[in-house]
């Protein structure tokens, strides 16, 4: 079943940072769509909940060097 979750990332330095996170999240199994908004730090992830673990999203963001927070 498709689900959507949102996170915030407040430590982006530039639009390239947002693109890095967007690419990394796109590679997580089960993620169907990712939108990262640099100016607001909002990350919206559409995913298949039978394939993706939402905890993996925060870990993926952390692995890129950023700090995720609940939206």
C-alpha atoms as a PDB file:
ATOM      1  CA  UNK A   1       0.000   0.000   0.000  1.00  0.00           C
ATOM      2  CA  UNK A   2       1.266   3.475  -0.807  1.00  0.00           C
ATOM      3  CA  UNK A   3       2.039   5.814   2.055  1.00  0.00           C
ATOM      4  CA  UNK A   4       3.452   9.320   2.342  1.00  0.00           C
ATOM      5  CA  UNK A   5       5.663  10.668   5.085  1.00  0.00           C
ATOM      6  CA  UNK A   6       7.339  14.005   5.669  1.00  0.00           C
ATOM      7  CA  UNK A   7      10.558  14.967   7.392  1.00  0.00           C
ATOM      8  CA  UNK A   8      12.393  18.243   7.859  1.00  0.00           C
ATOM      9  CA  UNK A   9      16.079  18.829   7.278  1.00  0.00           C
ATOM     10  CA  UNK A  10      17.198  22.212   8.562  1.00  0.00           C
ATOM     11  CA  UNK A  11      20.926  22.024   7.854  1.00  0.00           C
ATOM     12  CA  UNK A  12      20.983  22.267   4.060  1.00  0.00           C
ATOM     13  CA  UNK A  13      23.681  24.691   2.904  1.00  0.00           C
ATOM     14  CA  UNK A  14      22.660  24.896  -0.749  1.00  0.00           C
ATOM     15  CA  UNK A  15      20.294  23.459  -3.353  1.00  0.00           C
ATOM     16  CA  UNK A  16      22.928  20.846  -4.185  1.00  0.00           C
ATOM     17  CA  UNK A  17      22.569  19.477  -0.632  1.00  0.00           C
ATOM     18  CA  UNK A  18      18.861  18.964  -1.229  1.00  0.00           C
ATOM     19  CA  UNK A  19      19.611  17.205  -4.526  1.00  0.00           C
ATOM     20  CA  UNK A  20      22.053  14.868  -2.787  1.00  0.00           C
ATOM     21  CA  UNK A  21      19.417  13.850  -0.238  1.00  0.00           C
ATOM     22  CA  UNK A  22      16.780  13.472  -2.944  1.00  0.00           C
ATOM     23  CA  UNK A  23      18.999  11.128  -4.971  1.00  0.00           C
ATOM     24  CA  UNK A  24      19.906   9.057  -1.911  1.00  0.00           C
ATOM     25  CA  UNK A  25      16.282   8.656  -0.840  1.00  0.00           C
ATOM     26  CA  UNK A  26      15.267   7.735  -4.388  1.00  0.00           C
ATOM     27  CA  UNK A  27      17.575   4.730  -4.121  1.00  0.00           C
ATOM     28  CA  UNK A  28      15.907   3.333  -0.986  1.00  0.00           C
ATOM     29  CA  UNK A  29      13.921   0.190  -1.806  1.00  0.00           C
ATOM     30  CA  UNK A  30      10.191   0.875  -2.000  1.00  0.00           C
ATOM     31  CA  UNK A  31      10.489   4.651  -2.474  1.00  0.00           C
ATOM     32  CA  UNK A  32       8.308   5.711  -5.366  1.00  0.00           C
ATOM     33  CA  UNK A  33       8.701   9.503  -5.308  1.00  0.00           C
ATOM     34  CA  UNK A  34      10.725  12.049  -3.350  1.00  0.00           C
ATOM     35  CA  UNK A  35      10.363  15.817  -3.217  1.00  0.00           C
ATOM     36  CA  UNK A  36      12.962  17.831  -1.328  1.00  0.00           C
ATOM     37  CA  UNK A  37      12.331  21.543  -0.896  1.00  0.00           C
ATOM     38  CA  UNK A  38      15.599  23.338  -0.164  1.00  0.00           C
ATOM     39  CA  UNK A  39      14.037  26.618   0.974  1.00  0.00           C
ATOM     40  CA  UNK A  40      11.798  25.035   3.619  1.00  0.00           C
ATOM     41  CA  UNK A  41      13.827  21.928   4.411  1.00  0.00           C
ATOM     42  CA  UNK A  42      10.745  19.800   3.812  1.00  0.00           C
ATOM     43  CA  UNK A  43      11.180  16.280   2.492  1.00  0.00           C
ATOM     44  CA  UNK A  44       8.112  14.392   1.247  1.00  0.00           C
ATOM     45  CA  UNK A  45       8.462  10.701   0.495  1.00  0.00           C
ATOM     46  CA  UNK A  46       5.894   8.492  -1.249  1.00  0.00           C
ATOM     47  CA  UNK A  47       6.628   4.821  -0.685  1.00  0.00           C
ATOM     48  CA  UNK A  48       5.265   1.288  -0.738  1.00  0.00           C
ATOM     49  CA  UNK A  49       4.931   0.329   2.924  1.00  0.00           C
ATOM     50  CA  UNK A  50       5.303  -3.367   2.116  1.00  0.00           C
ATOM     51  CA  UNK A  51       8.845  -2.684   0.822  1.00  0.00           C
ATOM     52  CA  UNK A  52      10.151   0.391   2.623  1.00  0.00           C
ATOM     53  CA  UNK A  53      10.895   0.951   6.296  1.00  0.00           C
ATOM     54  CA  UNK A  54      10.285   4.621   7.189  1.00  0.00           C
ATOM     55  CA  UNK A  55      13.164   4.456   9.702  1.00  0.00           C
ATOM     56  CA  UNK A  56      15.456   3.892   6.710  1.00  0.00           C
ATOM     57  CA  UNK A  57      14.587   7.365   5.426  1.00  0.00           C
ATOM     58  CA  UNK A  58      16.052   9.093   8.482  1.00  0.00           C
ATOM     59  CA  UNK A  59      19.122   6.834   8.389  1.00  0.00           C
ATOM     60  CA  UNK A  60      19.629   7.624   4.704  1.00  0.00           C
ATOM     61  CA  UNK A  61      19.491  11.360   5.396  1.00  0.00           C
ATOM     62  CA  UNK A  62      21.915  10.970   8.314  1.00  0.00           C
ATOM     63  CA  UNK A  63      24.286   8.954   6.105  1.00  0.00           C
ATOM     64  CA  UNK A  64      24.418  11.945   3.766  1.00  0.00           C
ATOM     65  CA  UNK A  65      25.556  14.153   6.679  1.00  0.00           C
ATOM     66  CA  UNK A  66      22.267  15.898   7.531  1.00  0.00           C
ATOM     67  CA  UNK A  67      19.933  15.870  10.520  1.00  0.00           C
ATOM     68  CA  UNK A  68      16.344  14.734   9.879  1.00  0.00           C
ATOM     69  CA  UNK A  69      13.523  15.837  12.150  1.00  0.00           C
ATOM     70  CA  UNK A  70       9.826  14.976  12.279  1.00  0.00           C
ATOM     71  CA  UNK A  71       7.765  17.326  10.107  1.00  0.00           C
END
